[in-house]
Every structure is written in structure tokens, then in C-alpha cells.
PDB file of N, CA and C in Angstrom:
ATOM      1  N   MET A   1      37.889 -15.332-108.691  1.00  0.00           N
ATOM      2  CA  MET A   1      38.536 -16.893-109.374  1.00  0.00           C
ATOM      3  C   MET A   1      38.998 -16.492-110.837  1.00  0.00           C
ATOM      4  N   ARG A   2      40.682 -17.501-110.696  1.00  0.00           N
ATOM      5  CA  ARG A   2      40.403 -17.460-112.372  1.00  0.00           C
ATOM      6  C   ARG A   2      41.605 -18.754-111.708  1.00  0.00           C
ATOM      7  N   ILE A   3      41.600 -19.461-112.935  1.00  0.00           N
ATOM      8  CA  ILE A   3      42.365 -20.771-113.057  1.00  0.00           C
ATOM      9  C   ILE A   3      43.930 -20.777-113.741  1.00  0.00           C
ATOM     10  N   GLU A   4      44.880 -20.837-113.296  1.00  0.00           N
ATOM     11  CA  GLU A   4      46.368 -20.654-114.411  1.00  0.00           C
ATOM     12  C   GLU A   4      46.897 -21.756-114.589  1.00  0.00           C
ATOM     13  N   VAL A   5      46.531 -22.704-114.993  1.00  0.00           N
ATOM     14  CA  VAL A   5      47.279 -23.502-115.672  1.00  0.00           C
ATOM     15  C   VAL A   5      48.660 -24.034-115.634  1.00  0.00           C
ATOM     16  N   ILE A   6      49.604 -24.655-114.649  1.00  0.00           N
ATOM     17  CA  ILE A   6      50.878 -24.351-115.374  1.00  0.00           C
ATOM     18  C   ILE A   6      51.776 -25.798-115.418  1.00  0.00           C
ATOM     19  N   LYS A   7      50.783 -26.912-115.387  1.00  0.00           N
ATOM     20  CA  LYS A   7      50.844 -28.151-116.028  1.00  0.00           C
ATOM     21  C   LYS A   7      50.316 -29.036-116.085  1.00  0.00           C
ATOM     22  N   ARG A   8      50.196 -29.797-117.050  1.00  0.00           N
ATOM     23  CA  ARG A   8      49.055 -30.954-117.774  1.00  0.00           C
ATOM     24  C   ARG A   8      49.434 -32.438-118.781  1.00  0.00           C
ATOM     25  N   GLU A   9      49.058 -33.305-117.586  1.00  0.00           N
ATOM     26  CA  GLU A   9      49.282 -34.040-118.146  1.00  0.00           C
ATOM     27  C   GLU A   9      48.700 -35.156-117.979  1.00  0.00           C
ATOM     28  N   GLU A  10      48.462 -36.645-118.503  1.00  0.00           N
ATOM     29  CA  GLU A  10      47.552 -37.503-118.810  1.00  0.00           C
ATOM     30  C   GLU A  10      46.452 -37.293-117.224  1.00  0.00           C
ATOM     31  N   ASN A  11      47.139 -38.002-115.877  1.00  0.00           N
ATOM     32  CA  ASN A  11      46.822 -38.283-114.979  1.00  0.00           C
ATOM     33  C   ASN A  11      47.232 -37.067-114.049  1.00  0.00           C
ATOM     34  N   LEU A  12      47.604 -35.976-114.389  1.00  0.00           N
ATOM     35  CA  LEU A  12      48.027 -34.721-113.613  1.00  0.00           C
ATOM     36  C   LEU A  12      48.027 -33.490-113.885  1.00  0.00           C
ATOM     37  N   ILE A  13      47.145 -32.372-113.113  1.00  0.00           N
ATOM     38  CA  ILE A  13      47.589 -31.144-113.983  1.00  0.00           C
ATOM     39  C   ILE A  13      47.888 -30.169-112.270  1.00  0.00           C
ATOM     40  N   GLU A  14      48.346 -29.239-112.413  1.00  0.00           N
ATOM     41  CA  GLU A  14      48.915 -28.031-111.569  1.00  0.00           C
ATOM     42  C   GLU A  14      48.319 -27.178-111.878  1.00  0.00           C
ATOM     43  N   PHE A  15      47.827 -26.352-111.133  1.00  0.00           N
ATOM     44  CA  PHE A  15      47.342 -24.849-110.973  1.00  0.00           C
ATOM     45  C   PHE A  15      46.990 -23.757-110.056  1.00  0.00           C
ATOM     46  N   TYR A  16      47.187 -22.499-110.346  1.00  0.00           N
ATOM     47  CA  TYR A  16      47.168 -21.623-109.456  1.00  0.00           C
ATOM     48  C   TYR A  16      45.814 -21.214-109.496  1.00  0.00           C
ATOM     49  N   LEU A  17      44.762 -21.329-108.124  1.00  0.00           N
ATOM     50  CA  LEU A  17      43.529 -20.905-108.211  1.00  0.00           C
ATOM     51  C   LEU A  17      43.656 -18.937-107.320  1.00  0.00           C
ATOM     52  N   GLU A  18      43.816 -18.734-108.565  1.00  0.00           N
ATOM     53  CA  GLU A  18      43.939 -17.151-108.290  1.00  0.00           C
ATOM     54  C   GLU A  18      42.690 -16.128-107.115  1.00  0.00           C
ATOM     55  N   GLY A  19      43.192 -15.428-106.603  1.00  0.00           N
ATOM     56  CA  GLY A  19      42.049 -15.089-105.904  1.00  0.00           C
ATOM     57  C   GLY A  19      41.341 -15.672-104.469  1.00  0.00           C
ATOM     58  N   GLU A  20      41.546 -17.195-104.287  1.00  0.00           N
ATOM     59  CA  GLU A  20      41.031 -17.281-102.897  1.00  0.00           C
ATOM     60  C   GLU A  20      42.133 -17.946-101.794  1.00  0.00           C
ATOM     61  N   ASP A  21      41.990 -18.092-100.579  1.00  0.00           N
ATOM     62  CA  ASP A  21      42.816 -18.824-100.339  1.00  0.00           C
ATOM     63  C   ASP A  21      42.551 -19.744 -99.618  1.00  0.00           C
ATOM     64  N   HIS A  22      43.146 -20.231 -98.153  1.00  0.00           N
ATOM     65  CA  HIS A  22      42.823 -21.455 -97.720  1.00  0.00           C
ATOM     66  C   HIS A  22      41.602 -22.098 -97.588  1.00  0.00           C
ATOM     67  N   THR A  23      40.801 -20.902 -97.209  1.00  0.00           N
ATOM     68  CA  THR A  23      39.215 -21.331 -97.027  1.00  0.00           C
ATOM     69  C   THR A  23      38.311 -22.148 -97.802  1.00  0.00           C
ATOM     70  N   PHE A  24      38.851 -21.809 -99.043  1.00  0.00           N
ATOM     71  CA  PHE A  24      37.952 -22.245-100.500  1.00  0.00           C
ATOM     72  C   PHE A  24      38.997 -23.439-100.834  1.00  0.00           C
ATOM     73  N   ALA A  25      40.300 -23.112-100.885  1.00  0.00           N
ATOM     74  CA  ALA A  25      41.230 -24.147-101.274  1.00  0.00           C
ATOM     75  C   ALA A  25      41.408 -25.855-100.459  1.00  0.00           C
ATOM     76  N   ASN A  26      40.720 -25.394 -99.347  1.00  0.00           N
ATOM     77  CA  ASN A  26      41.087 -26.644 -98.151  1.00  0.00           C
ATOM     78  C   ASN A  26      39.558 -27.091 -98.474  1.00  0.00           C
ATOM     79  N   LEU A  27      38.377 -26.855 -99.374  1.00  0.00           N
ATOM     80  CA  LEU A  27      37.273 -26.949 -98.913  1.00  0.00           C
ATOM     81  C   LEU A  27      37.522 -27.531-100.107  1.00  0.00           C
ATOM     82  N   LEU A  28      37.725 -27.356-101.590  1.00  0.00           N
ATOM     83  CA  LEU A  28      37.859 -28.506-102.364  1.00  0.00           C
ATOM     84  C   LEU A  28      39.022 -29.228-102.806  1.00  0.00           C
ATOM     85  N   ASN A  29      40.268 -29.409-101.925  1.00  0.00           N
ATOM     86  CA  ASN A  29      40.946 -30.481-101.276  1.00  0.00           C
ATOM     87  C   ASN A  29      40.458 -31.738-100.763  1.00  0.00           C
ATOM     88  N   GLU A  30      39.665 -30.866 -99.812  1.00  0.00           N
ATOM     89  CA  GLU A  30      38.994 -32.055 -99.116  1.00  0.00           C
ATOM     90  C   GLU A  30      37.573 -32.704-100.091  1.00  0.00           C
ATOM     91  N   VAL A  31      37.133 -32.206-101.022  1.00  0.00           N
ATOM     92  CA  VAL A  31      36.152 -32.955-101.923  1.00  0.00           C
ATOM     93  C   VAL A  31      36.661 -33.585-102.341  1.00  0.00           C
ATOM     94  N   LEU A  32      38.427 -33.380-103.100  1.00  0.00           N
ATOM     95  CA  LEU A  32      38.250 -33.891-104.056  1.00  0.00           C
ATOM     96  C   LEU A  32      39.294 -35.327-103.366  1.00  0.00           C
ATOM     97  N   HIS A  33      39.002 -35.378-101.945  1.00  0.00           N
ATOM     98  CA  HIS A  33      39.772 -36.554-101.679  1.00  0.00           C
ATOM     99  C   HIS A  33      38.571 -37.661-101.516  1.00  0.00           C
ATOM    100  N   GLU A  34      37.223 -37.084-101.923  1.00  0.00           N
ATOM    101  CA  GLU A  34      36.435 -38.353-101.816  1.00  0.00           C
ATOM    102  C   GLU A  34      36.262 -38.656-102.779  1.00  0.00           C
ATOM    103  N   ASN A  35      36.927 -38.230-103.834  1.00  0.00           N
ATOM    104  CA  ASN A  35      36.474 -39.651-105.274  1.00  0.00           C
ATOM    105  C   ASN A  35      37.645 -40.703-105.059  1.00  0.00           C
ATOM    106  N   GLU A  36      37.537 -41.381-105.470  1.00  0.00           N
ATOM    107  CA  GLU A  36      37.936 -42.456-105.228  1.00  0.00           C
ATOM    108  C   GLU A  36      38.972 -42.722-106.449  1.00  0.00           C
ATOM    109  N   HIS A  37      38.901 -42.234-107.635  1.00  0.00           N
ATOM    110  CA  HIS A  37      39.956 -41.780-108.619  1.00  0.00           C
ATOM    111  C   HIS A  37      41.664 -40.807-108.448  1.00  0.00           C
ATOM    112  N   VAL A  38      41.172 -40.138-107.489  1.00  0.00           N
ATOM    113  CA  VAL A  38      41.488 -39.435-106.826  1.00  0.00           C
ATOM    114  C   VAL A  38      43.202 -39.632-106.092  1.00  0.00           C
ATOM    115  N   LYS A  39      44.065 -39.844-106.648  1.00  0.00           N
ATOM    116  CA  LYS A  39      45.445 -40.384-106.040  1.00  0.00           C
ATOM    117  C   LYS A  39      46.208 -39.311-104.779  1.00  0.00           C
ATOM    118  N   PHE A  40      46.288 -37.891-105.283  1.00  0.00           N
ATOM    119  CA  PHE A  40      47.174 -37.204-104.918  1.00  0.00           C
ATOM    120  C   PHE A  40      46.192 -35.995-105.169  1.00  0.00           C
ATOM    121  N   ALA A  41      46.076 -35.226-104.292  1.00  0.00           N
ATOM    122  CA  ALA A  41      45.515 -33.520-104.249  1.00  0.00           C
ATOM    123  C   ALA A  41      45.928 -32.695-103.323  1.00  0.00           C
ATOM    124  N   GLY A  42      46.554 -31.775-103.246  1.00  0.00           N
ATOM    125  CA  GLY A  42      46.616 -30.965-102.512  1.00  0.00           C
ATOM    126  C   GLY A  42      47.469 -29.584-103.155  1.00  0.00           C
ATOM    127  N   TYR A  43      47.769 -28.398-102.148  1.00  0.00           N
ATOM    128  CA  TYR A  43      47.550 -27.334-102.284  1.00  0.00           C
ATOM    129  C   TYR A  43      48.942 -26.528-101.726  1.00  0.00           C
ATOM    130  N   THR A  44      49.779 -25.770-102.203  1.00  0.00           N
ATOM    131  CA  THR A  44      50.528 -24.782-101.313  1.00  0.00           C
ATOM    132  C   THR A  44      50.495 -23.319-101.141  1.00  0.00           C
ATOM    133  N   ILE A  45      50.277 -22.648-100.022  1.00  0.00           N
ATOM    134  CA  ILE A  45      50.550 -20.977-101.181  1.00  0.00           C
ATOM    135  C   ILE A  45      52.091 -20.676-100.897  1.00  0.00           C
ATOM    136  N   GLU A  46      52.544 -20.703-101.970  1.00  0.00           N
ATOM    137  CA  GLU A  46      54.552 -20.736-101.934  1.00  0.00           C
ATOM    138  C   GLU A  46      54.817 -19.480-101.240  1.00  0.00           C
ATOM    139  N   HIS A  47      53.870 -18.041-100.955  1.00  0.00           N
ATOM    140  CA  HIS A  47      54.424 -17.674-100.066  1.00  0.00           C
ATOM    141  C   HIS A  47      53.254 -16.231 -99.035  1.00  0.00           C
ATOM    142  N   PRO A  48      53.748 -16.919 -97.977  1.00  0.00           N
ATOM    143  CA  PRO A  48      52.507 -16.443 -97.348  1.00  0.00           C
ATOM    144  C   PRO A  48      51.705 -15.589 -97.050  1.00  0.00           C
ATOM    145  N   VAL A  49      52.967 -14.079 -97.568  1.00  0.00           N
ATOM    146  CA  VAL A  49      52.129 -12.666 -97.731  1.00  0.00           C
ATOM    147  C   VAL A  49      52.164 -12.604 -99.747  1.00  0.00           C
ATOM    148  N   LEU A  50      53.027 -12.676-100.287  1.00  0.00           N
ATOM    149  CA  LEU A  50      53.734 -12.443-101.606  1.00  0.00           C
ATOM    150  C   LEU A  50      52.130 -13.200-102.399  1.00  0.00           C
ATOM    151  N   MET A  51      52.178 -14.675-102.646  1.00  0.00           N
ATOM    152  CA  MET A  51      51.227 -15.323-102.793  1.00  0.00           C
ATOM    153  C   MET A  51      50.106 -15.343-102.098  1.00  0.00           C
ATOM    154  N   ALA A  52      49.511 -15.006-101.052  1.00  0.00           N
ATOM    155  CA  ALA A  52      48.728 -15.448-100.140  1.00  0.00           C
ATOM    156  C   ALA A  52      47.407 -15.681-100.746  1.00  0.00           C
ATOM    157  N   ARG A  53      47.137 -15.083-101.873  1.00  0.00           N
ATOM    158  CA  ARG A  53      45.859 -15.339-102.457  1.00  0.00           C
ATOM    159  C   ARG A  53      45.472 -16.196-103.964  1.00  0.00           C
ATOM    160  N   LYS A  54      46.934 -17.623-103.994  1.00  0.00           N
ATOM    161  CA  LYS A  54      46.797 -17.853-105.138  1.00  0.00           C
ATOM    162  C   LYS A  54      47.536 -18.894-104.955  1.00  0.00           C
ATOM    163  N   PRO A  55      46.652 -19.981-103.960  1.00  0.00           N
ATOM    164  CA  PRO A  55      46.802 -21.459-103.946  1.00  0.00           C
ATOM    165  C   PRO A  55      47.367 -21.967-105.666  1.00  0.00           C
ATOM    166  N   ARG A  56      49.126 -23.071-104.944  1.00  0.00           N
ATOM    167  CA  ARG A  56      48.778 -23.949-106.102  1.00  0.00           C
ATOM    168  C   ARG A  56      48.399 -25.069-105.595  1.00  0.00           C
ATOM    169  N   PHE A  57      47.667 -26.099-106.721  1.00  0.00           N
ATOM    170  CA  PHE A  57      46.699 -27.279-106.311  1.00  0.00           C
ATOM    171  C   PHE A  57      47.736 -28.187-107.815  1.00  0.00           C
ATOM    172  N   LYS A  58      47.762 -29.589-106.965  1.00  0.00           N
ATOM    173  CA  LYS A  58      48.936 -30.224-107.721  1.00  0.00           C
ATOM    174  C   LYS A  58      47.157 -31.380-107.346  1.00  0.00           C
ATOM    175  N   VAL A  59      46.642 -32.298-108.796  1.00  0.00           N
ATOM    176  CA  VAL A  59      45.911 -33.144-108.749  1.00  0.00           C
ATOM    177  C   VAL A  59      46.146 -34.611-109.556  1.00  0.00           C
ATOM    178  N   VAL A  60      46.221 -35.676-109.098  1.00  0.00           N
ATOM    179  CA  VAL A  60      47.118 -36.717-109.673  1.00  0.00           C
ATOM    180  C   VAL A  60      45.614 -37.659-109.725  1.00  0.00           C
ATOM    181  N   THR A  61      45.271 -38.206-110.845  1.00  0.00           N
ATOM    182  CA  THR A  61      44.297 -39.721-110.820  1.00  0.00           C
ATOM    183  C   THR A  61      44.652 -40.242-111.178  1.00  0.00           C
ATOM    184  N   ASP A  62      44.486 -41.420-110.867  1.00  0.00           N
ATOM    185  CA  ASP A  62      44.458 -43.383-111.271  1.00  0.00           C
ATOM    186  C   ASP A  62      44.703 -43.835-112.351  1.00  0.00           C
ATOM    187  N   GLY A  63      43.805 -42.909-114.009  1.00  0.00           N
ATOM    188  CA  GLY A  63      44.051 -42.571-115.526  1.00  0.00           C
ATOM    189  C   GLY A  63      42.617 -42.776-115.301  1.00  0.00           C
ATOM    190  N   LYS A  64      41.614 -43.607-114.480  1.00  0.00           N
ATOM    191  CA  LYS A  64      40.488 -43.847-114.643  1.00  0.00           C
ATOM    192  C   LYS A  64      39.206 -42.809-114.931  1.00  0.00           C
ATOM    193  N   VAL A  65      39.739 -41.475-114.648  1.00  0.00           N
ATOM    194  CA  VAL A  65      39.072 -40.453-114.683  1.00  0.00           C
ATOM    195  C   VAL A  65      40.268 -39.230-115.028  1.00  0.00           C
ATOM    196  N   LYS A  66      40.376 -38.367-116.024  1.00  0.00           N
ATOM    197  CA  LYS A  66      41.209 -37.510-116.101  1.00  0.00           C
ATOM    198  C   LYS A  66      40.833 -36.359-114.970  1.00  0.00           C
ATOM    199  N   PRO A  67      42.376 -35.929-114.739  1.00  0.00           N
ATOM    200  CA  PRO A  67      42.151 -34.672-113.317  1.00  0.00           C
ATOM    201  C   PRO A  67      41.151 -33.547-113.658  1.00  0.00           C
ATOM    202  N   GLU A  68      40.794 -33.181-114.831  1.00  0.00           N
ATOM    203  CA  GLU A  68      40.306 -32.379-115.097  1.00  0.00           C
ATOM    204  C   GLU A  68      38.352 -32.369-114.932  1.00  0.00           C
ATOM    205  N   GLU A  69      37.955 -33.810-115.214  1.00  0.00           N
ATOM    206  CA  GLU A  69      36.910 -34.234-114.590  1.00  0.00           C
ATOM    207  C   GLU A  69      36.855 -34.293-113.286  1.00  0.00           C
ATOM    208  N   ALA A  70      38.327 -35.037-112.470  1.00  0.00           N
ATOM    209  CA  ALA A  70      37.802 -35.063-111.071  1.00  0.00           C
ATOM    210  C   ALA A  70      37.476 -33.317-110.658  1.00  0.00           C
ATOM    211  N   LEU A  71      38.828 -32.557-110.748  1.00  0.00           N
ATOM    212  CA  LEU A  71      37.906 -30.895-110.934  1.00  0.00           C
ATOM    213  C   LEU A  71      36.684 -30.919-110.840  1.00  0.00           C
ATOM    214  N   GLU A  72      35.763 -31.149-112.133  1.00  0.00           N
ATOM    215  CA  GLU A  72      34.483 -30.804-112.483  1.00  0.00           C
ATOM    216  C   GLU A  72      33.624 -31.196-111.837  1.00  0.00           C
ATOM    217  N   GLU A  73      33.749 -32.672-111.382  1.00  0.00           N
ATOM    218  CA  GLU A  73      33.068 -33.153-109.922  1.00  0.00           C
ATOM    219  C   GLU A  73      32.593 -32.337-108.663  1.00  0.00           C
ATOM    220  N   ALA A  74      34.551 -31.999-108.554  1.00  0.00           N
ATOM    221  CA  ALA A  74      34.340 -31.990-107.013  1.00  0.00           C
ATOM    222  C   ALA A  74      33.694 -30.074-107.200  1.00  0.00           C
ATOM    223  N   ALA A  75      33.725 -29.701-108.201  1.00  0.00           N
ATOM    224  CA  ALA A  75      33.068 -28.526-107.839  1.00  0.00           C
ATOM    225  C   ALA A  75      31.728 -28.058-108.148  1.00  0.00           C
ATOM    226  N   GLN A  76      31.126 -29.210-108.797  1.00  0.00           N
ATOM    227  CA  GLN A  76      29.419 -30.054-108.525  1.00  0.00           C
ATOM    228  C   GLN A  76      29.058 -30.369-107.570  1.00  0.00           C
ATOM    229  N   LYS A  77      29.769 -30.555-106.214  1.00  0.00           N
ATOM    230  CA  LYS A  77      29.355 -31.065-104.676  1.00  0.00           C
ATOM    231  C   LYS A  77      29.517 -30.139-104.576  1.00  0.00           C
ATOM    232  N   ILE A  78      30.516 -28.778-104.413  1.00  0.00           N
ATOM    233  CA  ILE A  78      30.159 -27.900-103.459  1.00  0.00           C
ATOM    234  C   ILE A  78      29.063 -27.117-103.787  1.00  0.00           C
ATOM    235  N   PHE A  79      28.876 -27.031-105.212  1.00  0.00           N
ATOM    236  CA  PHE A  79      27.664 -26.384-105.481  1.00  0.00           C
ATOM    237  C   PHE A  79      26.255 -26.633-104.563  1.00  0.00           C
ATOM    238  N   ASP A  80      26.264 -28.175-105.087  1.00  0.00           N
ATOM    239  CA  ASP A  80      24.919 -28.642-104.302  1.00  0.00           C
ATOM    240  C   ASP A  80      25.068 -28.555-102.926  1.00  0.00           C
ATOM    241  N   ARG A  81      26.170 -28.734-102.280  1.00  0.00           N
ATOM    242  CA  ARG A  81      26.223 -29.027-101.159  1.00  0.00           C
ATOM    243  C   ARG A  81      25.692 -27.310 -99.908  1.00  0.00           C
ATOM    244  N   ALA A  82      26.207 -26.216-100.903  1.00  0.00           N
ATOM    245  CA  ALA A  82      25.891 -25.276-100.526  1.00  0.00           C
ATOM    246  C   ALA A  82      24.586 -24.533-100.811  1.00  0.00           C
ATOM    247  N   ARG A  83      24.052 -25.630-101.577  1.00  0.00           N
ATOM    248  CA  ARG A  83      22.374 -25.229-102.313  1.00  0.00           C
ATOM    249  C   ARG A  83      21.617 -25.787-100.992  1.00  0.00           C
ATOM    250  N   VAL A  84      21.882 -26.634-100.422  1.00  0.00           N
ATOM    251  CA  VAL A  84      21.249 -27.682 -99.822  1.00  0.00           C
ATOM    252  C   VAL A  84      21.291 -26.803 -98.799  1.00  0.00           C
ATOM    253  N   LEU A  85      23.056 -26.177 -97.703  1.00  0.00           N
ATOM    254  CA  LEU A  85      23.047 -25.103 -96.895  1.00  0.00           C
ATOM    255  C   LEU A  85      21.742 -24.486 -97.045  1.00  0.00           C
ATOM    256  N   LEU A  86      21.816 -23.555 -98.685  1.00  0.00           N
ATOM    257  CA  LEU A  86      21.371 -22.503 -98.432  1.00  0.00           C
ATOM    258  C   LEU A  86      19.604 -22.456 -98.056  1.00  0.00           C
ATOM    259  N   GLU A  87      18.892 -24.199 -98.728  1.00  0.00           N
ATOM    260  CA  GLU A  87      17.850 -24.299 -98.360  1.00  0.00           C
ATOM    261  C   GLU A  87      17.080 -24.582 -97.018  1.00  0.00           C
ATOM    262  N   ALA A  88      17.936 -24.884 -96.470  1.00  0.00           N
ATOM    263  CA  ALA A  88      18.047 -25.486 -95.001  1.00  0.00           C
ATOM    264  C   ALA A  88      17.944 -24.116 -94.102  1.00  0.00           C
ATOM    265  N   TRP A  89      18.895 -23.192 -94.222  1.00  0.00           N
ATOM    266  CA  TRP A  89      18.618 -21.763 -93.773  1.00  0.00           C
ATOM    267  C   TRP A  89      17.574 -21.357 -94.210  1.00  0.00           C
ATOM    268  N   LYS A  90      16.983 -20.494 -95.379  1.00  0.00           N
ATOM    269  CA  LYS A  90      15.771 -20.313 -95.884  1.00  0.00           C
ATOM    270  C   LYS A  90      14.750 -21.037 -94.991  1.00  0.00           C
ATOM    271  N   LYS A  91      14.791 -22.088 -94.969  1.00  0.00           N
ATOM    272  CA  LYS A  91      13.423 -23.025 -94.145  1.00  0.00           C
ATOM    273  C   LYS A  91      13.766 -22.423 -92.534  1.00  0.00           C
ATOM    274  N   ALA A  92      14.854 -22.532 -92.057  1.00  0.00           N
ATOM    275  CA  ALA A  92      15.377 -21.651 -90.518  1.00  0.00           C
ATOM    276  C   ALA A  92      14.627 -21.057 -90.572  1.00  0.00           C
ATOM    277  N   LEU A  93      14.837 -19.923 -90.966  1.00  0.00           N
ATOM    278  CA  LEU A  93      14.205 -18.300 -90.829  1.00  0.00           C
ATOM    279  C   LEU A  93      13.151 -18.532 -91.577  1.00  0.00           C
ATOM    280  N   GLU A  94      11.941 -19.091 -91.689  1.00  0.00           N
ATOM    281  CA  GLU A  94      10.971 -18.871 -92.178  1.00  0.00           C
ATOM    282  C   GLU A  94      10.038 -19.721 -90.765  1.00  0.00           C
ATOM    283  N   GLY A  95      10.755 -20.504 -90.120  1.00  0.00           N
ATOM    284  CA  GLY A  95      10.467 -20.520 -88.195  1.00  0.00           C
ATOM    285  C   GLY A  95       9.948 -22.243 -88.421  1.00  0.00           C
TER     286      GLY A  95
END
């Protein structure tokens, strides 16, 4: 995964999320929407063949948090949820 920032303003960031597709992009988008300070979060894949693994994101906040902070929080939530799932899976396998 690589992030290529396209545009950065006070309450807005646009970037490519290289190496990912709808699977992770949709997860990140959904978790960003859980933040009350995120006014808009969305992504598009500009060309389904040529850009299939390069979603373009746009995140806009209300100004109480920076878009970068909202992204950091979303990434941490995804990480924490994955850890909980892994722990539950290990317990299930143990019997």
C-alpha cells in the first residue's frame, strides 16, 4: 500500500490509495463515516481496468479535526477490530 496525496487543504484531503481495491477502500470509507467530524468521505476508481488497484479518496472534515487525524483514527479502529477478530478466531480454534 502506498498513499499519494493529490490535494491538501485545511479541511480537505484527496489521495490515491495505491495497491488496494474496493475491499479495503470500502472498509476505510465506512469507518471514516463513523467519525462525527467527517462531513464527507468517498472514493472512486477512475477506470475499472487501468486504475483497478488505485482508489481515489476525498475526505472533508468540519474543521474540528484535520482530515489526516480522521484517517489516523480510522486506521487505528480498523487495526483494533482486526486484532479482536484474530483473538476471537484463536479462541474458537482452541475449542
